[in-house]
C-alpha cells in the first residue's frame, strides 16, 4: 500500500527513501541545513510537489541570498 503524506501530494514512500518519516521531518531537516528563513520563503511560493526538485534546486542555487 502506498500511503501519502498529510499534504497528500507526494507518496510517503518518497520521503522514506531519503530517510524521513514525513514531509514535516524532511522540511525541518532542510531548515536546519539551509535556514528556516530561506526554506519558509520558498515554501510560500512552491507547491509540495516541488519538494524534491524545484525546492532543492532553489535552495542550492540561492543558498547565499539569505545570509
C-alpha atoms as a PDB file:
ATOM      1  CA  UNK A   1       0.000   0.000   0.000  1.00  0.00           C
ATOM      2  CA  UNK A   2       1.363   3.414  -0.955  1.00  0.00           C
ATOM      3  CA  UNK A   3       0.480   5.948   1.742  1.00  0.00           C
ATOM      4  CA  UNK A   4       0.526   9.651   1.060  1.00  0.00           C
ATOM      5  CA  UNK A   5       1.907  12.263   3.401  1.00  0.00           C
ATOM      6  CA  UNK A   6      -0.523  14.651   5.149  1.00  0.00           C
ATOM      7  CA  UNK A   7      -0.352  17.070   2.223  1.00  0.00           C
ATOM      8  CA  UNK A   8      -1.495  14.163   0.016  1.00  0.00           C
ATOM      9  CA  UNK A   9       0.715  15.182  -2.869  1.00  0.00           C
ATOM     10  CA  UNK A  10       3.846  13.068  -2.770  1.00  0.00           C
ATOM     11  CA  UNK A  11       3.727   9.412  -1.731  1.00  0.00           C
ATOM     12  CA  UNK A  12       5.158   8.910   1.738  1.00  0.00           C
ATOM     13  CA  UNK A  13       7.498   6.292   0.249  1.00  0.00           C
ATOM     14  CA  UNK A  14       9.395   9.116  -1.453  1.00  0.00           C
ATOM     15  CA  UNK A  15      10.251  10.716   1.896  1.00  0.00           C
ATOM     16  CA  UNK A  16      11.053   7.315   3.412  1.00  0.00           C
ATOM     17  CA  UNK A  17      13.530   6.645   0.574  1.00  0.00           C
ATOM     18  CA  UNK A  18      15.521   9.662   1.760  1.00  0.00           C
ATOM     19  CA  UNK A  19      15.322   8.599   5.403  1.00  0.00           C
ATOM     20  CA  UNK A  20      12.473  10.813   6.611  1.00  0.00           C
ATOM     21  CA  UNK A  21       9.253   9.646   8.274  1.00  0.00           C
ATOM     22  CA  UNK A  22       7.137  12.528   6.967  1.00  0.00           C
ATOM     23  CA  UNK A  23       7.186  15.711   4.931  1.00  0.00           C
ATOM     24  CA  UNK A  24       7.431  17.702   8.153  1.00  0.00           C
ATOM     25  CA  UNK A  25      10.575  15.855   9.171  1.00  0.00           C
ATOM     26  CA  UNK A  26      12.045  16.464   5.710  1.00  0.00           C
ATOM     27  CA  UNK A  27      11.207  20.184   5.806  1.00  0.00           C
ATOM     28  CA  UNK A  28      12.695  20.519   9.300  1.00  0.00           C
ATOM     29  CA  UNK A  29      15.897  18.930   8.029  1.00  0.00           C
ATOM     30  CA  UNK A  30      16.048  21.401   5.146  1.00  0.00           C
ATOM     31  CA  UNK A  31      15.527  24.268   7.591  1.00  0.00           C
ATOM     32  CA  UNK A  32      18.455  23.039   9.671  1.00  0.00           C
ATOM     33  CA  UNK A  33      20.648  22.796   6.564  1.00  0.00           C
ATOM     34  CA  UNK A  34      19.653  25.964   4.696  1.00  0.00           C
ATOM     35  CA  UNK A  35      17.972  28.108   7.333  1.00  0.00           C
ATOM     36  CA  UNK A  36      14.315  28.463   8.218  1.00  0.00           C
ATOM     37  CA  UNK A  37      14.004  31.893   6.592  1.00  0.00           C
ATOM     38  CA  UNK A  38      15.052  30.656   3.168  1.00  0.00           C
ATOM     39  CA  UNK A  39      13.052  27.412   3.322  1.00  0.00           C
ATOM     40  CA  UNK A  40       9.902  29.182   4.539  1.00  0.00           C
ATOM     41  CA  UNK A  41      10.210  31.809   1.811  1.00  0.00           C
ATOM     42  CA  UNK A  42      10.430  29.157  -0.883  1.00  0.00           C
ATOM     43  CA  UNK A  43       7.636  27.064   0.629  1.00  0.00           C
ATOM     44  CA  UNK A  44       5.378  30.106   0.364  1.00  0.00           C
ATOM     45  CA  UNK A  45       5.686  30.052  -3.432  1.00  0.00           C
ATOM     46  CA  UNK A  46       6.446  26.429  -4.306  1.00  0.00           C
ATOM     47  CA  UNK A  47       3.862  23.640  -4.008  1.00  0.00           C
ATOM     48  CA  UNK A  48       4.652  20.420  -2.108  1.00  0.00           C
ATOM     49  CA  UNK A  49       5.041  18.638  -5.438  1.00  0.00           C
ATOM     50  CA  UNK A  50       8.352  20.525  -5.809  1.00  0.00           C
ATOM     51  CA  UNK A  51       9.845  19.209  -2.548  1.00  0.00           C
ATOM     52  CA  UNK A  52      12.448  17.035  -4.274  1.00  0.00           C
ATOM     53  CA  UNK A  53      13.000  19.069  -7.415  1.00  0.00           C
ATOM     54  CA  UNK A  54      12.336  22.794  -7.502  1.00  0.00           C
ATOM     55  CA  UNK A  55      12.754  23.366  -3.780  1.00  0.00           C
ATOM     56  CA  UNK A  56      16.172  21.701  -3.667  1.00  0.00           C
ATOM     57  CA  UNK A  57      17.306  23.454  -6.833  1.00  0.00           C
ATOM     58  CA  UNK A  58      16.322  26.842  -5.460  1.00  0.00           C
ATOM     59  CA  UNK A  59      17.946  26.140  -2.094  1.00  0.00           C
ATOM     60  CA  UNK A  60      21.205  25.090  -3.711  1.00  0.00           C
ATOM     61  CA  UNK A  61      21.236  27.885  -6.301  1.00  0.00           C
ATOM     62  CA  UNK A  62      20.335  30.653  -3.868  1.00  0.00           C
ATOM     63  CA  UNK A  63      21.923  29.471  -0.642  1.00  0.00           C
ATOM     64  CA  UNK A  64      23.817  32.725  -0.134  1.00  0.00           C
ATOM     65  CA  UNK A  65      20.886  35.117  -0.648  1.00  0.00           C
ATOM     66  CA  UNK A  66      19.597  34.811   2.897  1.00  0.00           C
ATOM     67  CA  UNK A  67      22.886  35.160   4.778  1.00  0.00           C
END
